[in-house]
N, C-alpha and C. Protein backbone atom coordinates (compact mmCIF):
# COMPACT_ATOMS: atom_id res chain seq x y z
N ARG A 1 -54.64 100.99 69.63
CA ARG A 1 -54.15 100.43 70.67
C ARG A 1 -53.04 101.99 71.22
N LEU A 2 -52.43 102.30 70.59
CA LEU A 2 -51.98 103.95 70.60
C LEU A 2 -52.71 105.00 71.52
N MET A 3 -53.78 104.63 70.43
CA MET A 3 -54.17 106.12 71.03
C MET A 3 -54.99 105.75 72.37
N ALA A 4 -55.33 104.02 72.68
CA ALA A 4 -55.89 103.99 73.99
C ALA A 4 -54.83 104.61 74.98
N ASP A 5 -53.42 104.15 74.83
CA ASP A 5 -52.69 104.65 75.56
C ASP A 5 -52.14 105.84 75.37
N LEU A 6 -52.31 106.57 74.37
CA LEU A 6 -51.93 107.70 74.41
C LEU A 6 -53.35 108.76 75.76
N LYS A 7 -54.83 107.82 75.73
CA LYS A 7 -55.87 109.10 76.10
C LYS A 7 -55.39 108.33 77.74
N VAL A 8 -55.15 107.33 78.36
CA VAL A 8 -54.44 106.46 79.58
C VAL A 8 -53.20 107.09 80.05
N LEU A 9 -52.63 107.66 79.52
CA LEU A 9 -51.04 109.08 79.85
C LEU A 9 -51.89 110.01 80.34
N ALA A 10 -52.74 110.29 79.26
CA ALA A 10 -53.07 111.88 80.02
C ALA A 10 -54.08 111.69 80.83
N TRP A 11 -55.45 110.36 81.11
CA TRP A 11 -55.63 110.49 82.10
C TRP A 11 -54.74 110.37 83.69
N GLN A 12 -54.36 109.67 83.12
CA GLN A 12 -52.87 109.17 84.75
C GLN A 12 -51.78 110.19 85.26
N THR A 13 -51.15 111.13 83.88
CA THR A 13 -50.69 112.48 84.27
C THR A 13 -51.65 113.60 84.28
N ASP A 14 -52.81 113.44 84.91
CA ASP A 14 -53.67 115.14 85.01
C ASP A 14 -53.84 115.84 83.96
N MET A 15 -52.87 115.24 82.75
CA MET A 15 -53.28 116.55 81.23
C MET A 15 -54.42 116.81 81.05
N THR A 16 -55.48 115.95 80.82
CA THR A 16 -56.62 115.89 81.28
C THR A 16 -58.02 114.92 81.88
N ARG A 17 -59.28 115.27 81.46
CA ARG A 17 -60.16 114.25 82.35
C ARG A 17 -61.42 113.91 81.75
N VAL A 18 -60.93 114.64 80.29
CA VAL A 18 -62.24 114.60 79.55
C VAL A 18 -61.54 114.33 77.80
N CYS A 19 -62.07 113.20 77.00
CA CYS A 19 -61.48 112.56 75.64
C CYS A 19 -62.66 112.32 75.24
N THR A 20 -62.52 112.51 73.38
CA THR A 20 -62.79 111.67 73.25
C THR A 20 -62.94 110.99 71.87
N PHE A 21 -63.07 110.04 71.30
CA PHE A 21 -62.49 109.82 70.94
C PHE A 21 -63.76 109.26 69.66
N GLN A 22 -63.04 108.64 68.39
CA GLN A 22 -63.85 108.17 67.34
C GLN A 22 -63.48 108.09 66.54
N ILE A 23 -63.81 106.39 66.22
CA ILE A 23 -62.94 105.79 65.60
C ILE A 23 -62.93 105.37 63.83
N GLY A 24 -64.44 106.06 63.66
CA GLY A 24 -64.65 106.70 62.05
C GLY A 24 -65.80 107.12 62.01
N HIS A 25 -66.43 108.06 61.11
CA HIS A 25 -67.57 108.76 60.74
C HIS A 25 -68.33 107.77 60.09
N GLU A 26 -69.63 107.41 59.87
CA GLU A 26 -70.69 107.35 59.71
C GLU A 26 -70.22 106.75 57.78
N MET A 27 -69.85 107.95 56.94
CA MET A 27 -69.57 107.13 55.64
C MET A 27 -68.38 107.16 55.31
N SER A 28 -67.37 107.08 56.41
CA SER A 28 -65.62 106.41 56.18
C SER A 28 -65.14 105.47 55.87
N GLY A 29 -64.70 105.45 55.28
CA GLY A 29 -63.97 104.71 53.95
C GLY A 29 -63.28 103.41 54.59
N ARG A 30 -62.61 104.15 55.62
CA ARG A 30 -62.00 103.00 56.24
C ARG A 30 -62.49 101.27 56.09
N ALA A 31 -60.70 101.15 55.88
CA ALA A 31 -61.00 99.19 55.72
C ALA A 31 -59.78 98.68 57.13
N TYR A 32 -60.15 97.46 57.09
CA TYR A 32 -59.58 96.56 58.32
C TYR A 32 -59.00 95.54 57.37
N PRO A 33 -57.38 95.66 57.78
CA PRO A 33 -56.67 94.33 56.44
C PRO A 33 -56.64 93.69 58.22
N GLU A 34 -56.60 94.50 59.36
CA GLU A 34 -56.59 93.82 60.36
C GLU A 34 -57.54 92.22 60.76
N VAL A 35 -58.39 92.21 60.20
CA VAL A 35 -59.20 91.34 60.19
C VAL A 35 -59.60 90.13 59.33
N GLY A 36 -58.64 90.64 58.18
CA GLY A 36 -58.72 89.90 56.84
C GLY A 36 -59.37 90.02 55.67
N PHE A 37 -59.43 91.24 55.40
CA PHE A 37 -60.15 91.66 54.22
C PHE A 37 -59.80 93.25 54.27
N GLY A 38 -60.19 93.67 53.34
CA GLY A 38 -59.68 95.31 52.59
C GLY A 38 -60.68 95.75 52.48
N ASP A 39 -62.53 95.70 52.19
CA ASP A 39 -63.21 96.05 52.36
C ASP A 39 -63.64 97.83 52.89
N ALA A 40 -64.27 98.25 53.06
CA ALA A 40 -64.24 99.66 53.42
C ALA A 40 -65.55 99.24 54.69
N HIS A 41 -65.59 99.70 55.79
CA HIS A 41 -66.36 99.27 56.67
C HIS A 41 -68.09 100.50 56.20
N HIS A 42 -68.01 101.30 55.69
CA HIS A 42 -69.83 101.54 55.01
C HIS A 42 -69.71 101.16 54.89
N SER A 43 -69.00 100.33 53.31
CA SER A 43 -69.94 99.20 52.17
C SER A 43 -70.35 98.15 52.84
N VAL A 44 -69.93 97.46 53.77
CA VAL A 44 -69.93 96.50 54.51
C VAL A 44 -71.40 96.21 54.78
N THR A 45 -71.75 97.87 55.96
CA THR A 45 -73.14 97.85 56.26
C THR A 45 -74.21 97.67 55.57
N HIS A 46 -73.63 98.14 54.50
CA HIS A 46 -75.25 98.01 53.49
C HIS A 46 -74.92 96.62 52.90
N HIS A 47 -75.52 95.55 54.00
CA HIS A 47 -75.31 94.63 53.33
C HIS A 47 -76.54 93.90 52.80
N GLN A 48 -77.86 94.38 52.86
CA GLN A 48 -78.97 94.32 51.95
C GLN A 48 -79.13 92.79 52.14
N GLY A 49 -78.86 92.74 53.16
CA GLY A 49 -79.27 90.45 53.50
C GLY A 49 -77.80 89.89 53.20
N ASP A 50 -76.79 89.95 52.52
CA ASP A 50 -75.57 89.15 52.15
C ASP A 50 -74.77 89.14 52.82
N ARG A 51 -75.22 87.77 53.07
CA ARG A 51 -74.30 86.84 54.49
C ARG A 51 -72.82 87.36 54.43
N GLU A 52 -71.71 86.90 53.77
CA GLU A 52 -70.72 87.62 53.85
C GLU A 52 -70.18 88.57 54.15
N LYS A 53 -70.61 89.74 53.85
CA LYS A 53 -71.25 91.12 54.42
C LYS A 53 -71.36 90.95 55.54
N ILE A 54 -72.23 91.13 56.27
CA ILE A 54 -72.59 90.39 56.84
C ILE A 54 -71.60 89.76 57.93
N ALA A 55 -71.25 89.14 57.47
CA ALA A 55 -69.86 88.03 58.89
C ALA A 55 -68.89 89.45 58.65
N LYS A 56 -68.47 89.67 57.62
CA LYS A 56 -67.95 90.86 57.30
C LYS A 56 -67.88 92.38 58.73
N VAL A 57 -69.24 92.85 58.88
CA VAL A 57 -69.57 94.02 59.60
C VAL A 57 -69.48 93.29 61.08
N ILE A 58 -69.93 92.11 61.11
CA ILE A 58 -69.14 91.61 62.77
C ILE A 58 -68.07 91.25 63.11
N GLN A 59 -67.52 90.73 61.84
CA GLN A 59 -65.48 90.79 62.84
C GLN A 59 -65.11 92.17 63.25
N ILE A 60 -65.26 93.36 62.44
CA ILE A 60 -65.35 94.86 62.38
C ILE A 60 -65.60 94.95 64.00
N ASN A 61 -66.97 94.96 64.17
CA ASN A 61 -67.65 94.85 65.19
C ASN A 61 -66.76 94.48 66.22
N ILE A 62 -66.28 93.38 66.28
CA ILE A 62 -65.39 92.12 66.98
C ILE A 62 -64.55 92.89 67.23
N PHE A 63 -63.55 93.29 66.45
CA PHE A 63 -62.34 93.64 66.49
C PHE A 63 -62.78 95.18 67.10
N HIS A 64 -63.81 96.43 66.97
CA HIS A 64 -63.73 97.53 67.52
C HIS A 64 -63.31 96.77 69.18
N ALA A 65 -64.86 95.77 69.70
CA ALA A 65 -65.27 95.45 70.77
C ALA A 65 -63.52 94.90 71.37
N ARG A 66 -63.07 94.37 70.78
CA ARG A 66 -61.22 94.24 71.59
C ARG A 66 -60.80 95.53 72.04
N MET A 67 -60.59 96.34 71.34
CA MET A 67 -60.12 97.71 71.61
C MET A 67 -60.60 98.27 72.46
N LEU A 68 -61.62 98.53 72.87
CA LEU A 68 -62.88 99.00 73.98
C LEU A 68 -61.60 98.30 75.07
N ALA A 69 -62.14 96.25 74.81
CA ALA A 69 -61.95 96.01 76.06
C ALA A 69 -60.16 96.31 76.44
N TYR A 70 -59.41 96.38 75.33
CA TYR A 70 -57.75 96.61 75.98
C TYR A 70 -57.87 98.15 76.51
N TYR A 71 -58.33 98.97 76.21
CA TYR A 71 -58.89 100.33 76.70
C TYR A 71 -59.21 100.48 78.28
N LEU A 72 -60.39 100.06 78.42
CA LEU A 72 -60.33 99.35 79.69
C LEU A 72 -59.85 98.54 80.45
N ASP A 73 -58.81 97.29 80.35
CA ASP A 73 -58.14 96.62 80.81
C ASP A 73 -57.10 98.17 80.97
N LYS A 74 -56.61 98.75 80.19
CA LYS A 74 -55.56 99.61 80.42
C LYS A 74 -55.99 100.44 81.70
N LEU A 75 -56.74 100.91 81.56
CA LEU A 75 -57.83 101.81 82.68
C LEU A 75 -57.63 100.85 83.95
N ARG A 76 -58.39 99.55 83.48
CA ARG A 76 -58.65 98.76 85.24
C ARG A 76 -56.86 98.78 86.00
N SER A 77 -56.40 98.59 85.14
CA SER A 77 -54.47 98.25 85.55
C SER A 77 -53.95 99.65 86.00
N THR A 78 -54.41 100.88 85.68
CA THR A 78 -53.83 102.04 85.93
C THR A 78 -54.30 102.68 87.39
N PRO A 79 -53.46 102.72 88.59
CA PRO A 79 -53.19 103.18 89.99
C PRO A 79 -53.83 104.44 89.92
N ASP A 80 -54.75 105.40 90.27
CA ASP A 80 -55.64 106.59 90.01
C ASP A 80 -56.47 106.28 91.67
N GLY A 81 -55.21 107.45 92.71
CA GLY A 81 -55.79 107.74 93.77
C GLY A 81 -56.25 106.45 95.16
N ASP A 82 -57.53 106.31 95.31
CA ASP A 82 -58.07 105.33 95.95
C ASP A 82 -58.24 103.89 95.13
N GLY A 83 -58.22 104.52 93.79
CA GLY A 83 -58.84 103.01 92.92
C GLY A 83 -57.89 102.76 91.49
N SER A 84 -58.58 102.43 90.95
CA SER A 84 -57.86 102.73 89.26
C SER A 84 -58.99 103.99 88.76
N LEU A 85 -57.98 104.11 87.23
CA LEU A 85 -58.93 105.21 86.35
C LEU A 85 -60.18 105.15 86.43
N LEU A 86 -60.47 103.88 85.83
CA LEU A 86 -61.17 102.83 85.66
C LEU A 86 -62.54 103.29 86.44
N ASP A 87 -61.95 103.42 87.52
CA ASP A 87 -63.16 103.39 89.21
C ASP A 87 -63.69 104.69 89.00
N HIS A 88 -62.36 105.53 88.61
CA HIS A 88 -63.08 106.89 88.47
C HIS A 88 -63.88 107.38 86.93
N ALA A 89 -64.03 106.42 86.42
CA ALA A 89 -64.26 107.23 84.93
C ALA A 89 -65.74 106.96 84.59
N MET A 90 -65.81 107.39 83.54
CA MET A 90 -67.13 107.41 82.66
C MET A 90 -67.10 107.90 81.26
N LEU A 91 -67.56 106.20 80.67
CA LEU A 91 -67.11 106.12 79.33
C LEU A 91 -68.54 106.25 78.66
N LEU A 92 -68.72 106.03 77.47
CA LEU A 92 -69.66 106.29 76.70
C LEU A 92 -68.50 106.07 75.30
N TYR A 93 -69.42 104.34 74.84
CA TYR A 93 -69.60 103.82 73.77
C TYR A 93 -70.24 103.67 72.96
N GLY A 94 -70.70 103.60 71.71
CA GLY A 94 -71.52 102.77 70.99
C GLY A 94 -71.74 103.74 69.76
N SER A 95 -72.77 103.47 68.58
CA SER A 95 -72.69 104.10 67.13
C SER A 95 -73.64 104.99 67.51
N ALA A 96 -73.76 105.72 65.95
CA ALA A 96 -74.67 106.58 66.21
C ALA A 96 -75.94 106.41 65.23
N LEU A 97 -76.16 104.80 64.81
CA LEU A 97 -76.74 103.86 63.87
C LEU A 97 -77.01 102.85 64.49
N SER A 98 -77.97 102.68 64.69
CA SER A 98 -78.52 101.10 65.46
C SER A 98 -78.63 99.92 63.96
N ASP A 99 -78.53 101.22 62.96
CA ASP A 99 -78.43 99.48 61.81
C ASP A 99 -78.15 100.21 60.26
N GLY A 100 -76.29 100.06 60.59
CA GLY A 100 -76.19 100.97 59.21
C GLY A 100 -77.16 100.49 57.92
N ASN A 101 -77.24 98.98 57.66
CA ASN A 101 -78.06 99.29 56.08
C ASN A 101 -79.18 99.34 56.12
N LEU A 102 -80.04 100.05 56.82
CA LEU A 102 -81.73 101.22 57.08
C LEU A 102 -81.15 102.65 57.27
N HIS A 103 -80.00 102.93 57.98
CA HIS A 103 -79.69 103.92 58.24
C HIS A 103 -80.52 104.48 59.25
N LEU A 104 -80.84 103.57 60.67
CA LEU A 104 -81.56 104.05 62.06
C LEU A 104 -80.97 104.40 62.79
N TYR A 105 -81.27 105.69 63.60
CA TYR A 105 -80.83 106.23 64.60
C TYR A 105 -81.71 106.13 65.84
N THR A 106 -82.28 104.90 65.43
CA THR A 106 -83.42 104.51 66.61
C THR A 106 -82.59 103.73 67.54
N ASN A 107 -82.79 103.08 69.23
CA ASN A 107 -82.79 102.21 69.25
C ASN A 107 -81.26 102.17 69.73
N LEU A 108 -80.52 103.05 69.36
CA LEU A 108 -78.47 103.23 69.53
C LEU A 108 -77.67 102.06 70.94
N PRO A 109 -76.76 101.16 69.47
CA PRO A 109 -76.61 100.23 70.97
C PRO A 109 -75.55 101.02 71.74
N LEU A 110 -75.62 101.52 72.45
CA LEU A 110 -74.20 102.34 73.23
C LEU A 110 -74.10 101.87 74.99
N LEU A 111 -73.19 101.55 75.33
CA LEU A 111 -72.61 100.98 76.77
C LEU A 111 -72.01 102.25 77.35
N LEU A 112 -72.56 101.97 78.54
CA LEU A 112 -72.25 103.11 79.72
C LEU A 112 -70.97 102.69 80.81
N VAL A 113 -69.79 102.77 80.61
CA VAL A 113 -69.16 102.18 81.39
C VAL A 113 -68.77 103.22 82.46
N ALA A 114 -69.08 103.20 83.94
CA ALA A 114 -69.16 104.49 84.71
C ALA A 114 -68.49 103.79 85.89
N GLY A 115 -68.05 102.35 86.25
CA GLY A 115 -66.60 102.49 87.08
C GLY A 115 -66.93 102.93 88.25
N GLY A 116 -68.19 102.46 88.86
CA GLY A 116 -68.91 103.30 89.88
C GLY A 116 -68.73 105.02 90.39
N VAL A 117 -68.71 105.86 89.52
CA VAL A 117 -69.19 107.26 89.38
C VAL A 117 -70.21 107.81 89.85
N ALA A 118 -70.51 108.48 90.89
CA ALA A 118 -71.89 108.95 90.38
C ALA A 118 -73.01 108.42 91.34
N GLY A 119 -72.63 107.02 91.58
CA GLY A 119 -73.26 105.67 92.05
C GLY A 119 -73.76 105.39 91.39
N ILE A 120 -73.87 105.09 89.76
CA ILE A 120 -74.34 104.77 88.32
C ILE A 120 -74.18 102.91 88.60
N LYS A 121 -75.15 102.54 88.90
CA LYS A 121 -75.24 100.92 89.00
C LYS A 121 -74.85 99.94 87.64
N GLY A 122 -73.71 99.54 88.14
CA GLY A 122 -73.51 99.16 86.58
C GLY A 122 -74.05 97.35 86.28
N GLY A 123 -73.89 96.90 85.17
CA GLY A 123 -74.03 95.02 85.19
C GLY A 123 -75.54 95.86 84.54
N ARG A 124 -76.30 96.36 84.06
CA ARG A 124 -77.50 96.19 83.74
C ARG A 124 -77.67 97.05 82.35
N HIS A 125 -79.21 96.29 82.12
CA HIS A 125 -79.19 96.26 80.41
C HIS A 125 -80.31 97.34 80.84
N VAL A 126 -79.92 98.31 80.32
CA VAL A 126 -81.45 99.57 80.90
C VAL A 126 -81.69 99.62 78.93
N ARG A 127 -83.10 99.78 78.58
CA ARG A 127 -84.15 100.05 77.66
C ARG A 127 -84.94 100.94 77.83
N TYR A 128 -84.89 102.22 77.11
CA TYR A 128 -86.04 103.89 77.01
C TYR A 128 -86.51 103.22 76.23
N GLU A 129 -87.89 103.56 76.69
CA GLU A 129 -89.27 103.68 75.02
C GLU A 129 -89.38 104.86 74.53
N GLY A 130 -90.51 105.04 73.97
CA GLY A 130 -90.89 105.77 73.68
C GLY A 130 -89.62 107.23 72.34
N GLY A 131 -88.32 106.45 72.19
CA GLY A 131 -87.68 107.26 71.24
C GLY A 131 -87.71 108.62 72.05
N VAL A 132 -86.58 108.24 72.95
CA VAL A 132 -85.77 109.08 74.00
C VAL A 132 -84.38 109.18 73.19
N PRO A 133 -84.27 110.79 72.81
CA PRO A 133 -82.69 111.20 71.84
C PRO A 133 -81.67 110.83 73.34
N MET A 134 -80.54 110.53 72.67
CA MET A 134 -79.05 109.94 73.19
C MET A 134 -78.79 111.34 74.32
N THR A 135 -79.27 112.67 73.66
CA THR A 135 -78.61 113.52 74.05
C THR A 135 -79.36 113.26 75.95
N ASN A 136 -80.30 113.16 76.05
CA ASN A 136 -81.05 113.35 77.28
C ASN A 136 -79.74 112.13 78.52
N LEU A 137 -79.24 110.95 77.21
CA LEU A 137 -78.23 110.25 78.30
C LEU A 137 -77.12 111.26 78.11
N LEU A 138 -76.26 111.90 77.30
CA LEU A 138 -75.02 113.40 77.37
C LEU A 138 -75.51 113.74 78.64
N LEU A 139 -76.69 114.75 78.92
CA LEU A 139 -77.46 115.09 79.42
C LEU A 139 -77.09 115.11 81.23
N THR A 140 -77.48 113.81 80.64
CA THR A 140 -77.17 113.64 82.92
C THR A 140 -76.07 113.05 83.07
N MET A 141 -75.48 112.29 81.86
CA MET A 141 -74.06 112.19 81.66
C MET A 141 -73.25 113.19 82.75
N LEU A 142 -73.78 114.41 81.89
CA LEU A 142 -73.05 115.73 82.82
C LEU A 142 -73.12 116.00 84.34
N ASP A 143 -74.57 116.30 84.52
CA ASP A 143 -75.22 115.43 85.79
C ASP A 143 -73.73 115.31 86.74
N LYS A 144 -73.82 113.44 86.51
CA LYS A 144 -72.94 112.69 87.22
C LYS A 144 -71.28 113.07 87.41
N ALA A 145 -70.72 114.15 86.09
CA ALA A 145 -70.09 114.32 86.22
C ALA A 145 -69.53 116.47 86.90
N ARG A 146 -70.93 116.69 86.92
CA ARG A 146 -71.58 117.91 87.99
C ARG A 146 -70.75 118.85 87.39
N VAL A 147 -71.04 118.96 85.39
CA VAL A 147 -70.98 119.87 85.02
C VAL A 147 -72.30 121.29 85.23
N PRO A 148 -72.45 122.25 85.82
CA PRO A 148 -73.58 123.09 86.31
C PRO A 148 -73.75 123.64 85.38
N HIS A 149 -75.03 124.03 85.57
CA HIS A 149 -75.74 124.71 84.52
C HIS A 149 -76.09 124.61 83.34
N VAL A 150 -75.75 123.14 83.16
CA VAL A 150 -76.31 122.82 82.18
C VAL A 150 -78.15 122.08 82.18
N GLU A 151 -79.11 123.30 81.21
CA GLU A 151 -80.52 122.81 80.74
C GLU A 151 -81.22 122.06 80.17
N LYS A 152 -80.46 121.66 79.36
CA LYS A 152 -80.51 121.95 77.44
C LYS A 152 -79.02 121.13 76.57
N LEU A 153 -79.86 120.20 76.16
CA LEU A 153 -78.23 120.04 74.86
C LEU A 153 -78.81 119.01 73.79
N GLY A 154 -78.67 120.03 72.75
CA GLY A 154 -79.22 119.24 70.92
C GLY A 154 -80.58 119.14 71.28
N ASP A 155 -81.40 118.16 71.12
CA ASP A 155 -82.50 117.28 71.16
C ASP A 155 -82.94 117.00 72.59
N SER A 156 -82.19 117.18 73.29
CA SER A 156 -82.28 116.77 74.73
C SER A 156 -83.75 117.29 74.83
N THR A 157 -84.72 116.17 75.53
CA THR A 157 -86.05 116.32 76.26
C THR A 157 -85.80 116.61 77.81
N GLY A 158 -84.72 115.65 78.34
CA GLY A 158 -85.02 115.49 79.99
C GLY A 158 -83.88 115.22 80.50
N ARG A 159 -83.65 114.58 81.24
CA ARG A 159 -82.42 113.53 82.02
C ARG A 159 -82.76 112.35 82.48
N LEU A 160 -82.49 111.06 81.98
CA LEU A 160 -82.18 109.81 82.50
C LEU A 160 -82.70 109.60 83.56
N GLU A 161 -83.31 108.32 84.21
CA GLU A 161 -82.91 107.77 85.76
C GLU A 161 -81.90 106.16 85.85
N LEU A 162 -81.18 106.74 86.11
CA LEU A 162 -80.10 105.15 85.37
C LEU A 162 -80.20 104.89 87.05
N PRO A 163 -79.98 103.20 86.91
CA PRO A 163 -79.71 102.40 87.77
C PRO A 163 -78.46 103.05 88.83
N SER A 164 -79.19 102.88 90.05
CA SER A 164 -78.14 103.69 90.85
C SER A 164 -77.93 102.55 92.00
N VAL A 165 -76.22 102.74 92.44
CA VAL A 165 -76.26 101.90 94.00
C VAL A 165 -76.82 101.81 94.59
């Protein structure tokens, strides 16, 4: 929560309008005693079908989702110009793997929160077929943030069509 509070404060005071925050890298040995056990996140993602380990991964994911909700609530309740910080924000939340057990990096579980930024319509589930690289989304986000002259980013193959208002 402290990191969320600091990010909100940095945005609120215009110290920055861009930030990244990584909860843990894929090989992290971080444990989550906050959820009632001391197993490392990485080790329980290699569950091989073990229901107890799967339940622990779910608990960790719920913990992360609650932290995201806390952050979004702070942004929503912080005034900024003609709205809130959330109204003027674009946030990407997700994982670099869709299945930690199999190390799959396709069909990534990503959440784009845009608060109406650049005409992006929210409340939609969008699935892109055909192995679209995540960097296509990042390139599209740069366009929406009006970052000029970025034609390619990493392995991007183009921009994505996002639902618009």
